[in-house]
Amino acid sequence: MKRRGSGIIVGIAVIVLAIGVYFITTYNSLVSAENNVDAKWSQVENVMQRRADLIPNLVNSVKGSMEHEEAIVKEITDARKAYNDANTPAEKNAANEQINQGLGTMVNVIQEDYPTLASNENVKTLMVQLEGTENRISVERKNYIEQVNEYNQSLVRFPKNMAAKVLGFEKKANFEADDQAKEVPAVSFE
């Protein structure tokens, strides 16, 4: 009888130990998964901060180089407006001459060893940086979404789901774009 009683106690102890080990390993894996989700979100914030720091500086750089060409563009724009506002053939002809002068000035600038306007290159650089930054954010959001999905899957699969409930782990919210994301963002040089 003694042997049988001690065997039951040993059996119960082994079961309790196994359950304890299972809860400890489950807890550790869920904590690691939760930390991975938080780390992925931190990286999303990191690249969004990069954008917030980079874009205004690039826009200011483009604005600075555009000031050189602004006079030419303003002259042509004013002439175009004058043409649209003109009512008589004489007024239209005078406005057309203004357009020709502005275009002539632009052609002279281009012919004087200035094959591309400087701001054109700066705008291209800005656009490449914008595209690259948005791509980085998109990649990091994708990584975050995948990590949240992996974490949430581990919370709902049996038998880990029972341990997760007992240990107080909850699903993480996945990334959702806000309603404004449906609108194309405006880039302004003003």
N, C-alpha and C. Protein backbone atom coordinates (compact mmCIF):
# COMPACT_ATOMS: atom_id res chain seq x y z
N MET A 1 0.81 -1.18 0.00
CA MET A 1 0.00 0.00 0.00
C MET A 1 0.86 1.26 0.00
N LYS A 2 1.96 1.19 0.75
CA LYS A 2 2.86 2.33 0.80
C LYS A 2 3.41 2.68 -0.58
N ARG A 3 3.78 1.67 -1.29
CA ARG A 3 4.34 1.91 -2.63
C ARG A 3 3.33 2.54 -3.56
N ARG A 4 2.14 2.05 -3.47
CA ARG A 4 1.10 2.56 -4.35
C ARG A 4 0.81 4.02 -4.03
N GLY A 5 0.74 4.40 -2.77
CA GLY A 5 0.50 5.78 -2.36
C GLY A 5 1.64 6.70 -2.77
N SER A 6 2.88 6.23 -2.64
CA SER A 6 4.01 7.07 -3.03
C SER A 6 4.08 7.19 -4.54
N GLY A 7 3.66 6.15 -5.26
CA GLY A 7 3.64 6.21 -6.72
C GLY A 7 2.63 7.24 -7.22
N ILE A 8 1.49 7.33 -6.54
CA ILE A 8 0.46 8.31 -6.91
C ILE A 8 0.98 9.71 -6.63
N ILE A 9 1.64 9.87 -5.49
CA ILE A 9 2.19 11.19 -5.15
C ILE A 9 3.25 11.60 -6.17
N VAL A 10 4.10 10.67 -6.54
CA VAL A 10 5.13 10.96 -7.55
C VAL A 10 4.46 11.29 -8.88
N GLY A 11 3.45 10.52 -9.24
CA GLY A 11 2.72 10.78 -10.49
C GLY A 11 2.07 12.16 -10.49
N ILE A 12 1.44 12.52 -9.38
CA ILE A 12 0.82 13.85 -9.27
C ILE A 12 1.89 14.94 -9.33
N ALA A 13 3.01 14.69 -8.65
CA ALA A 13 4.10 15.68 -8.66
C ALA A 13 4.65 15.86 -10.08
N VAL A 14 4.78 14.77 -10.81
CA VAL A 14 5.27 14.85 -12.20
C VAL A 14 4.28 15.64 -13.05
N ILE A 15 2.99 15.38 -12.89
CA ILE A 15 1.97 16.10 -13.65
C ILE A 15 1.99 17.59 -13.30
N VAL A 16 2.05 17.91 -12.01
CA VAL A 16 2.10 19.31 -11.58
C VAL A 16 3.37 19.98 -12.12
N LEU A 17 4.48 19.26 -12.05
CA LEU A 17 5.73 19.80 -12.58
C LEU A 17 5.63 20.03 -14.08
N ALA A 18 5.04 19.08 -14.79
CA ALA A 18 4.88 19.22 -16.25
C ALA A 18 4.00 20.42 -16.58
N ILE A 19 2.91 20.57 -15.85
CA ILE A 19 2.03 21.72 -16.07
C ILE A 19 2.77 23.02 -15.75
N GLY A 20 3.51 23.02 -14.66
CA GLY A 20 4.29 24.21 -14.30
C GLY A 20 5.32 24.56 -15.37
N VAL A 21 6.04 23.55 -15.86
CA VAL A 21 7.02 23.78 -16.93
C VAL A 21 6.32 24.30 -18.18
N TYR A 22 5.17 23.70 -18.50
CA TYR A 22 4.42 24.15 -19.68
C TYR A 22 4.02 25.62 -19.53
N PHE A 23 3.50 26.01 -18.37
CA PHE A 23 3.09 27.40 -18.16
C PHE A 23 4.29 28.35 -18.22
N ILE A 24 5.40 27.93 -17.67
CA ILE A 24 6.60 28.78 -17.70
C ILE A 24 7.09 28.96 -19.14
N THR A 25 7.18 27.88 -19.90
CA THR A 25 7.66 28.00 -21.28
C THR A 25 6.65 28.76 -22.14
N THR A 26 5.37 28.53 -21.90
CA THR A 26 4.35 29.28 -22.64
C THR A 26 4.42 30.76 -22.31
N TYR A 27 4.54 31.06 -21.04
CA TYR A 27 4.66 32.46 -20.62
C TYR A 27 5.87 33.11 -21.28
N ASN A 28 7.00 32.45 -21.24
CA ASN A 28 8.21 33.02 -21.84
C ASN A 28 8.06 33.22 -23.34
N SER A 29 7.46 32.27 -24.02
CA SER A 29 7.29 32.44 -25.47
C SER A 29 6.31 33.56 -25.79
N LEU A 30 5.25 33.70 -24.99
CA LEU A 30 4.28 34.78 -25.23
C LEU A 30 4.88 36.15 -24.91
N VAL A 31 5.68 36.22 -23.86
CA VAL A 31 6.35 37.48 -23.54
C VAL A 31 7.30 37.87 -24.67
N SER A 32 8.05 36.89 -25.18
CA SER A 32 8.96 37.17 -26.30
C SER A 32 8.19 37.63 -27.52
N ALA A 33 7.08 36.97 -27.82
CA ALA A 33 6.26 37.34 -28.98
C ALA A 33 5.68 38.74 -28.80
N GLU A 34 5.24 39.05 -27.59
CA GLU A 34 4.69 40.37 -27.31
C GLU A 34 5.77 41.45 -27.46
N ASN A 35 6.97 41.16 -26.97
CA ASN A 35 8.08 42.10 -27.13
C ASN A 35 8.46 42.30 -28.59
N ASN A 36 8.37 41.23 -29.38
CA ASN A 36 8.65 41.35 -30.81
C ASN A 36 7.63 42.26 -31.49
N VAL A 37 6.37 42.15 -31.10
CA VAL A 37 5.33 43.04 -31.65
C VAL A 37 5.67 44.49 -31.31
N ASP A 38 6.00 44.74 -30.05
CA ASP A 38 6.35 46.11 -29.63
C ASP A 38 7.57 46.63 -30.37
N ALA A 39 8.56 45.77 -30.59
CA ALA A 39 9.77 46.17 -31.31
C ALA A 39 9.45 46.51 -32.77
N LYS A 40 8.58 45.73 -33.38
CA LYS A 40 8.20 46.01 -34.77
C LYS A 40 7.48 47.36 -34.86
N TRP A 41 6.62 47.64 -33.89
CA TRP A 41 5.93 48.93 -33.91
C TRP A 41 6.92 50.07 -33.70
N SER A 42 7.90 49.87 -32.83
CA SER A 42 8.92 50.89 -32.62
C SER A 42 9.65 51.20 -33.92
N GLN A 43 9.89 50.17 -34.73
CA GLN A 43 10.56 50.40 -36.02
C GLN A 43 9.66 51.17 -36.97
N VAL A 44 8.35 50.91 -36.93
CA VAL A 44 7.42 51.71 -37.74
C VAL A 44 7.53 53.18 -37.32
N GLU A 45 7.51 53.42 -36.01
CA GLU A 45 7.63 54.80 -35.52
C GLU A 45 8.97 55.41 -35.90
N ASN A 46 10.01 54.60 -35.91
CA ASN A 46 11.34 55.08 -36.28
C ASN A 46 11.35 55.62 -37.71
N VAL A 47 10.80 54.86 -38.66
CA VAL A 47 10.83 55.34 -40.04
C VAL A 47 9.85 56.49 -40.26
N MET A 48 8.76 56.52 -39.49
CA MET A 48 7.86 57.68 -39.60
C MET A 48 8.54 58.93 -39.05
N GLN A 49 9.33 58.77 -37.99
CA GLN A 49 10.09 59.91 -37.46
C GLN A 49 11.13 60.38 -38.47
N ARG A 50 11.74 59.42 -39.17
CA ARG A 50 12.71 59.77 -40.22
C ARG A 50 12.03 60.65 -41.27
N ARG A 51 10.83 60.26 -41.65
CA ARG A 51 10.09 61.05 -42.63
C ARG A 51 9.81 62.44 -42.07
N ALA A 52 9.36 62.50 -40.82
CA ALA A 52 9.03 63.79 -40.22
C ALA A 52 10.25 64.70 -40.14
N ASP A 53 11.43 64.12 -39.94
CA ASP A 53 12.66 64.91 -39.87
C ASP A 53 13.18 65.27 -41.25
N LEU A 54 13.08 64.34 -42.19
CA LEU A 54 13.70 64.50 -43.50
C LEU A 54 12.92 65.39 -44.45
N ILE A 55 11.63 65.18 -44.56
CA ILE A 55 10.84 65.83 -45.60
C ILE A 55 10.86 67.35 -45.49
N PRO A 56 10.66 67.95 -44.31
CA PRO A 56 10.71 69.43 -44.27
C PRO A 56 12.06 69.98 -44.72
N ASN A 57 13.14 69.30 -44.38
CA ASN A 57 14.46 69.76 -44.81
C ASN A 57 14.61 69.67 -46.32
N LEU A 58 14.13 68.59 -46.91
CA LEU A 58 14.19 68.46 -48.36
C LEU A 58 13.32 69.50 -49.05
N VAL A 59 12.13 69.73 -48.52
CA VAL A 59 11.24 70.74 -49.12
C VAL A 59 11.89 72.12 -49.04
N ASN A 60 12.50 72.45 -47.91
CA ASN A 60 13.18 73.74 -47.80
C ASN A 60 14.35 73.85 -48.77
N SER A 61 15.04 72.76 -48.99
CA SER A 61 16.14 72.74 -49.95
C SER A 61 15.63 73.02 -51.36
N VAL A 62 14.53 72.37 -51.71
CA VAL A 62 13.94 72.59 -53.04
C VAL A 62 13.46 74.03 -53.17
N LYS A 63 12.82 74.55 -52.11
CA LYS A 63 12.35 75.94 -52.15
C LYS A 63 13.52 76.90 -52.42
N GLY A 64 14.63 76.65 -51.75
CA GLY A 64 15.79 77.52 -51.92
C GLY A 64 16.29 77.54 -53.34
N SER A 65 16.37 76.39 -53.97
CA SER A 65 16.87 76.36 -55.34
C SER A 65 15.83 76.87 -56.33
N MET A 66 14.56 76.77 -55.95
CA MET A 66 13.50 77.23 -56.85
C MET A 66 13.40 78.75 -56.89
N GLU A 67 13.91 79.42 -55.86
CA GLU A 67 13.84 80.88 -55.85
C GLU A 67 14.52 81.47 -57.08
N HIS A 68 15.59 80.81 -57.54
CA HIS A 68 16.31 81.27 -58.72
C HIS A 68 15.40 81.28 -59.95
N GLU A 69 14.63 80.21 -60.10
CA GLU A 69 13.77 80.10 -61.27
C GLU A 69 12.40 80.72 -61.07
N GLU A 70 12.10 81.10 -59.85
CA GLU A 70 10.77 81.60 -59.53
C GLU A 70 10.40 82.83 -60.35
N ALA A 71 11.35 83.71 -60.58
CA ALA A 71 11.06 84.93 -61.35
C ALA A 71 10.62 84.58 -62.76
N ILE A 72 11.30 83.62 -63.38
CA ILE A 72 10.94 83.23 -64.74
C ILE A 72 9.54 82.60 -64.76
N VAL A 73 9.30 81.70 -63.83
CA VAL A 73 8.00 81.03 -63.76
C VAL A 73 6.90 82.05 -63.46
N LYS A 74 7.17 83.00 -62.57
CA LYS A 74 6.18 84.03 -62.23
C LYS A 74 5.87 84.89 -63.45
N GLU A 75 6.90 85.23 -64.19
CA GLU A 75 6.71 86.06 -65.40
C GLU A 75 5.80 85.34 -66.40
N ILE A 76 6.05 84.08 -66.61
CA ILE A 76 5.23 83.30 -67.56
C ILE A 76 3.81 83.12 -67.01
N THR A 77 3.69 82.87 -65.73
CA THR A 77 2.36 82.70 -65.11
C THR A 77 1.56 83.99 -65.19
N ASP A 78 2.19 85.13 -64.90
CA ASP A 78 1.51 86.42 -65.00
C ASP A 78 1.07 86.69 -66.43
N ALA A 79 1.94 86.36 -67.37
CA ALA A 79 1.61 86.58 -68.78
C ALA A 79 0.44 85.69 -69.20
N ARG A 80 0.44 84.48 -68.74
CA ARG A 80 -0.65 83.56 -69.06
C ARG A 80 -1.96 84.08 -68.48
N LYS A 81 -1.91 84.59 -67.25
CA LYS A 81 -3.11 85.16 -66.62
C LYS A 81 -3.59 86.37 -67.42
N ALA A 82 -2.64 87.21 -67.82
CA ALA A 82 -3.01 88.39 -68.62
C ALA A 82 -3.66 87.95 -69.93
N TYR A 83 -3.15 86.90 -70.53
CA TYR A 83 -3.73 86.39 -71.77
C TYR A 83 -5.16 85.90 -71.54
N ASN A 84 -5.36 85.16 -70.46
CA ASN A 84 -6.70 84.65 -70.15
C ASN A 84 -7.68 85.78 -69.82
N ASP A 85 -7.17 86.86 -69.23
CA ASP A 85 -8.02 88.00 -68.87
C ASP A 85 -8.25 88.96 -70.04
N ALA A 86 -7.46 88.83 -71.08
CA ALA A 86 -7.55 89.74 -72.23
C ALA A 86 -8.88 89.53 -72.96
N ASN A 87 -9.46 90.68 -73.40
CA ASN A 87 -10.74 90.61 -74.09
C ASN A 87 -10.63 90.95 -75.57
N THR A 88 -9.70 91.81 -75.91
CA THR A 88 -9.59 92.24 -77.31
C THR A 88 -8.39 91.56 -77.95
N PRO A 89 -8.39 91.53 -79.28
CA PRO A 89 -7.23 90.95 -79.97
C PRO A 89 -5.92 91.66 -79.61
N ALA A 90 -5.97 92.97 -79.43
CA ALA A 90 -4.76 93.73 -79.08
C ALA A 90 -4.26 93.32 -77.70
N GLU A 91 -5.19 93.16 -76.75
CA GLU A 91 -4.80 92.73 -75.40
C GLU A 91 -4.23 91.31 -75.42
N LYS A 92 -4.87 90.45 -76.22
CA LYS A 92 -4.38 89.07 -76.34
C LYS A 92 -2.99 89.07 -76.96
N ASN A 93 -2.77 89.91 -77.96
CA ASN A 93 -1.47 89.96 -78.62
C ASN A 93 -0.40 90.47 -77.65
N ALA A 94 -0.73 91.48 -76.88
CA ALA A 94 0.23 92.02 -75.91
C ALA A 94 0.56 90.96 -74.85
N ALA A 95 -0.45 90.26 -74.40
CA ALA A 95 -0.22 89.21 -73.40
C ALA A 95 0.59 88.07 -74.00
N ASN A 96 0.33 87.76 -75.26
CA ASN A 96 1.10 86.73 -75.94
C ASN A 96 2.57 87.12 -76.04
N GLU A 97 2.83 88.40 -76.26
CA GLU A 97 4.22 88.88 -76.29
C GLU A 97 4.90 88.70 -74.94
N GLN A 98 4.15 88.93 -73.86
CA GLN A 98 4.69 88.70 -72.52
C GLN A 98 5.07 87.23 -72.34
N ILE A 99 4.21 86.35 -72.82
CA ILE A 99 4.51 84.91 -72.72
C ILE A 99 5.77 84.60 -73.52
N ASN A 100 5.85 85.16 -74.74
CA ASN A 100 7.04 84.93 -75.57
C ASN A 100 8.31 85.43 -74.89
N GLN A 101 8.24 86.58 -74.23
CA GLN A 101 9.41 87.11 -73.53
C GLN A 101 9.82 86.18 -72.39
N GLY A 102 8.85 85.73 -71.63
CA GLY A 102 9.15 84.81 -70.53
C GLY A 102 9.75 83.52 -71.03
N LEU A 103 9.17 82.97 -72.09
CA LEU A 103 9.72 81.75 -72.67
C LEU A 103 11.10 81.99 -73.26
N GLY A 104 11.27 83.17 -73.85
CA GLY A 104 12.60 83.52 -74.40
C GLY A 104 13.65 83.56 -73.30
N THR A 105 13.28 84.15 -72.18
CA THR A 105 14.21 84.20 -71.04
C THR A 105 14.54 82.79 -70.58
N MET A 106 13.52 81.92 -70.52
CA MET A 106 13.75 80.55 -70.10
C MET A 106 14.65 79.83 -71.09
N VAL A 107 14.41 80.03 -72.38
CA VAL A 107 15.25 79.39 -73.41
C VAL A 107 16.69 79.87 -73.28
N ASN A 108 16.88 81.18 -73.04
CA ASN A 108 18.24 81.70 -72.88
C ASN A 108 18.94 81.06 -71.68
N VAL A 109 18.21 80.91 -70.59
CA VAL A 109 18.80 80.28 -69.40
C VAL A 109 19.21 78.85 -69.72
N ILE A 110 18.34 78.15 -70.44
CA ILE A 110 18.63 76.76 -70.79
C ILE A 110 19.81 76.68 -71.74
N GLN A 111 19.88 77.59 -72.71
CA GLN A 111 20.96 77.55 -73.69
C GLN A 111 22.30 77.96 -73.09
N GLU A 112 22.28 78.73 -72.03
CA GLU A 112 23.52 79.20 -71.42
C GLU A 112 24.08 78.13 -70.48
N ASP A 113 24.33 76.97 -71.04
CA ASP A 113 24.97 75.89 -70.29
C ASP A 113 24.23 75.57 -69.00
N TYR A 114 22.96 75.59 -69.07
CA TYR A 114 22.11 75.28 -67.93
C TYR A 114 21.05 74.31 -68.45
N PRO A 115 21.48 73.09 -68.84
CA PRO A 115 20.58 72.18 -69.53
C PRO A 115 19.37 71.74 -68.71
N THR A 116 19.51 71.71 -67.43
CA THR A 116 18.34 71.39 -66.61
C THR A 116 18.27 72.41 -65.50
N LEU A 117 17.08 72.80 -65.17
CA LEU A 117 16.93 73.74 -64.07
C LEU A 117 17.33 73.05 -62.78
N ALA A 118 18.02 73.75 -61.93
CA ALA A 118 18.54 73.17 -60.69
C ALA A 118 17.41 72.61 -59.83
N SER A 119 16.33 73.34 -59.76
CA SER A 119 15.24 72.87 -58.90
C SER A 119 14.66 71.57 -59.42
N ASN A 120 14.74 71.36 -60.75
CA ASN A 120 14.26 70.11 -61.32
C ASN A 120 14.98 68.93 -60.69
N GLU A 121 16.30 69.02 -60.57
CA GLU A 121 17.08 67.96 -59.93
C GLU A 121 16.73 67.84 -58.45
N ASN A 122 16.55 68.98 -57.80
CA ASN A 122 16.18 68.93 -56.38
C ASN A 122 14.80 68.34 -56.18
N VAL A 123 13.88 68.66 -57.08
CA VAL A 123 12.54 68.07 -56.99
C VAL A 123 12.62 66.57 -57.22
N LYS A 124 13.44 66.15 -58.18
CA LYS A 124 13.62 64.72 -58.41
C LYS A 124 14.17 64.05 -57.16
N THR A 125 15.17 64.68 -56.54
CA THR A 125 15.75 64.13 -55.30
C THR A 125 14.69 64.04 -54.21
N LEU A 126 13.89 65.10 -54.09
CA LEU A 126 12.81 65.10 -53.10
C LEU A 126 11.84 63.95 -53.37
N MET A 127 11.47 63.78 -54.62
CA MET A 127 10.51 62.72 -54.96
C MET A 127 11.10 61.34 -54.67
N VAL A 128 12.38 61.14 -54.97
CA VAL A 128 13.03 59.85 -54.68
C VAL A 128 13.05 59.62 -53.18
N GLN A 129 13.38 60.66 -52.41
CA GLN A 129 13.41 60.52 -50.96
C GLN A 129 12.01 60.25 -50.40
N LEU A 130 11.00 60.94 -50.93
CA LEU A 130 9.63 60.69 -50.49
C LEU A 130 9.22 59.25 -50.78
N GLU A 131 9.50 58.81 -51.99
CA GLU A 131 9.14 57.44 -52.37
C GLU A 131 9.88 56.43 -51.50
N GLY A 132 11.17 56.64 -51.31
CA GLY A 132 11.96 55.73 -50.48
C GLY A 132 11.46 55.68 -49.04
N THR A 133 11.14 56.85 -48.51
CA THR A 133 10.64 56.91 -47.13
C THR A 133 9.30 56.21 -47.00
N GLU A 134 8.41 56.45 -47.94
CA GLU A 134 7.10 55.81 -47.90
C GLU A 134 7.24 54.30 -48.07
N ASN A 135 8.19 53.87 -48.90
CA ASN A 135 8.43 52.43 -49.04
C ASN A 135 8.94 51.82 -47.74
N ARG A 136 9.84 52.53 -47.06
CA ARG A 136 10.36 52.04 -45.78
C ARG A 136 9.23 51.88 -44.76
N ILE A 137 8.38 52.89 -44.71
CA ILE A 137 7.25 52.82 -43.78
C ILE A 137 6.34 51.65 -44.13
N SER A 138 6.09 51.47 -45.40
CA SER A 138 5.23 50.37 -45.85
C SER A 138 5.83 49.01 -45.46
N VAL A 139 7.14 48.86 -45.66
CA VAL A 139 7.80 47.59 -45.31
C VAL A 139 7.71 47.35 -43.81
N GLU A 140 7.97 48.38 -43.01
CA GLU A 140 7.93 48.21 -41.55
C GLU A 140 6.52 47.95 -41.06
N ARG A 141 5.52 48.56 -41.69
CA ARG A 141 4.14 48.27 -41.32
C ARG A 141 3.80 46.82 -41.64
N LYS A 142 4.26 46.35 -42.79
CA LYS A 142 4.04 44.96 -43.18
C LYS A 142 4.68 44.03 -42.16
N ASN A 143 5.91 44.32 -41.74
CA ASN A 143 6.58 43.49 -40.73
C ASN A 143 5.80 43.49 -39.42
N TYR A 144 5.29 44.66 -39.05
CA TYR A 144 4.48 44.77 -37.83
C TYR A 144 3.21 43.93 -37.95
N ILE A 145 2.53 44.04 -39.06
CA ILE A 145 1.29 43.28 -39.28
C ILE A 145 1.56 41.79 -39.19
N GLU A 146 2.67 41.33 -39.79
CA GLU A 146 3.01 39.91 -39.73
C GLU A 146 3.31 39.48 -38.30
N GLN A 147 4.02 40.32 -37.55
CA GLN A 147 4.37 39.96 -36.17
C GLN A 147 3.13 39.92 -35.29
N VAL A 148 2.22 40.88 -35.47
CA VAL A 148 0.97 40.88 -34.71
C VAL A 148 0.16 39.63 -35.05
N ASN A 149 0.12 39.29 -36.33
CA ASN A 149 -0.62 38.10 -36.75
C ASN A 149 -0.03 36.84 -36.09
N GLU A 150 1.28 36.73 -36.10
CA GLU A 150 1.94 35.57 -35.48
C GLU A 150 1.64 35.51 -33.98
N TYR A 151 1.72 36.65 -33.31
CA TYR A 151 1.44 36.71 -31.88
C TYR A 151 -0.01 36.34 -31.60
N ASN A 152 -0.93 36.96 -32.33
CA ASN A 152 -2.35 36.69 -32.11
C ASN A 152 -2.70 35.23 -32.41
N GLN A 153 -2.06 34.65 -33.42
CA GLN A 153 -2.29 33.23 -33.72
C GLN A 153 -1.86 32.35 -32.55
N SER A 154 -0.73 32.72 -31.92
CA SER A 154 -0.27 31.90 -30.80
C SER A 154 -1.22 31.99 -29.60
N LEU A 155 -1.97 33.08 -29.50
CA LEU A 155 -2.91 33.23 -28.39
C LEU A 155 -4.19 32.43 -28.57
N VAL A 156 -4.51 32.07 -29.79
CA VAL A 156 -5.79 31.39 -30.03
C VAL A 156 -5.63 29.91 -30.32
N ARG A 157 -4.43 29.42 -30.48
CA ARG A 157 -4.21 28.00 -30.76
C ARG A 157 -4.19 27.19 -29.47
N PHE A 158 -4.84 26.05 -29.53
CA PHE A 158 -4.87 25.14 -28.39
C PHE A 158 -3.54 24.41 -28.30
N PRO A 159 -3.00 24.20 -27.17
CA PRO A 159 -3.45 24.47 -25.81
C PRO A 159 -2.92 25.80 -25.28
N LYS A 160 -2.13 26.50 -26.09
CA LYS A 160 -1.53 27.75 -25.62
C LYS A 160 -2.60 28.77 -25.26
N ASN A 161 -3.74 28.72 -25.93
CA ASN A 161 -4.79 29.69 -25.65
C ASN A 161 -5.27 29.61 -24.20
N MET A 162 -5.30 28.41 -23.64
CA MET A 162 -5.72 28.26 -22.24
C MET A 162 -4.71 28.91 -21.30
N ALA A 163 -3.45 28.67 -21.57
CA ALA A 163 -2.39 29.27 -20.74
C ALA A 163 -2.39 30.78 -20.91
N ALA A 164 -2.60 31.25 -22.14
CA ALA A 164 -2.61 32.69 -22.40
C ALA A 164 -3.72 33.38 -21.61
N LYS A 165 -4.88 32.75 -21.55
CA LYS A 165 -5.99 33.33 -20.78
C LYS A 165 -5.66 33.37 -19.30
N VAL A 166 -5.13 32.27 -18.79
CA VAL A 166 -4.77 32.22 -17.37
C VAL A 166 -3.70 33.25 -17.04
N LEU A 167 -2.75 33.42 -17.95
CA LEU A 167 -1.63 34.34 -17.72
C LEU A 167 -1.96 35.79 -18.07
N GLY A 168 -3.14 36.04 -18.62
CA GLY A 168 -3.60 37.41 -18.87
C GLY A 168 -3.11 38.04 -20.17
N PHE A 169 -2.70 37.25 -21.15
CA PHE A 169 -2.27 37.80 -22.44
C PHE A 169 -3.49 38.08 -23.30
N GLU A 170 -3.45 39.21 -23.99
CA GLU A 170 -4.57 39.60 -24.85
C GLU A 170 -4.06 39.87 -26.26
N LYS A 171 -4.97 39.75 -27.22
CA LYS A 171 -4.61 40.00 -28.61
C LYS A 171 -4.15 41.45 -28.78
N LYS A 172 -3.24 41.64 -29.72
CA LYS A 172 -2.77 42.98 -30.08
C LYS A 172 -3.61 43.48 -31.26
N ALA A 173 -3.85 44.77 -31.25
CA ALA A 173 -4.57 45.37 -32.38
C ALA A 173 -3.61 45.48 -33.56
N ASN A 174 -4.10 45.15 -34.72
CA ASN A 174 -3.27 45.25 -35.91
C ASN A 174 -3.31 46.65 -36.47
N PHE A 175 -2.41 46.93 -37.38
CA PHE A 175 -2.33 48.26 -37.98
C PHE A 175 -3.56 48.51 -38.84
N GLU A 176 -4.12 49.69 -38.67
CA GLU A 176 -5.23 50.12 -39.52
C GLU A 176 -4.94 51.54 -39.97
N ALA A 177 -5.05 51.78 -41.26
CA ALA A 177 -4.85 53.13 -41.78
C ALA A 177 -6.04 53.98 -41.38
N ASP A 178 -5.78 55.25 -41.10
CA ASP A 178 -6.89 56.14 -40.77
C ASP A 178 -7.59 56.58 -42.05
N ASP A 179 -8.72 57.22 -41.89
CA ASP A 179 -9.51 57.63 -43.05
C ASP A 179 -8.75 58.62 -43.94
N GLN A 180 -7.89 59.43 -43.35
CA GLN A 180 -7.13 60.39 -44.14
C GLN A 180 -6.13 59.72 -45.06
N ALA A 181 -5.75 58.49 -44.77
CA ALA A 181 -4.78 57.77 -45.60
C ALA A 181 -5.36 57.47 -46.99
N LYS A 182 -6.65 57.55 -47.11
CA LYS A 182 -7.29 57.32 -48.40
C LYS A 182 -7.07 58.49 -49.35
N GLU A 183 -6.68 59.63 -48.79
CA GLU A 183 -6.45 60.82 -49.60
C GLU A 183 -4.96 60.93 -49.92
N VAL A 184 -4.67 61.38 -51.12
CA VAL A 184 -3.29 61.56 -51.53
C VAL A 184 -2.73 62.78 -50.79
N PRO A 185 -1.57 62.61 -50.11
CA PRO A 185 -1.01 63.76 -49.39
C PRO A 185 -0.49 64.80 -50.37
N ALA A 186 -0.64 66.06 -49.97
CA ALA A 186 -0.18 67.16 -50.80
C ALA A 186 1.23 67.57 -50.39
N VAL A 187 2.06 67.81 -51.39
CA VAL A 187 3.40 68.35 -51.15
C VAL A 187 3.36 69.77 -51.68
N SER A 188 3.64 70.72 -50.81
CA SER A 188 3.54 72.13 -51.18
C SER A 188 4.89 72.80 -51.00
N PHE A 189 5.19 73.74 -51.87
CA PHE A 189 6.42 74.52 -51.76
C PHE A 189 6.14 75.92 -51.26
N GLU A 190 4.97 76.12 -50.68
CA GLU A 190 4.61 77.44 -50.18
C GLU A 190 4.72 77.48 -48.67
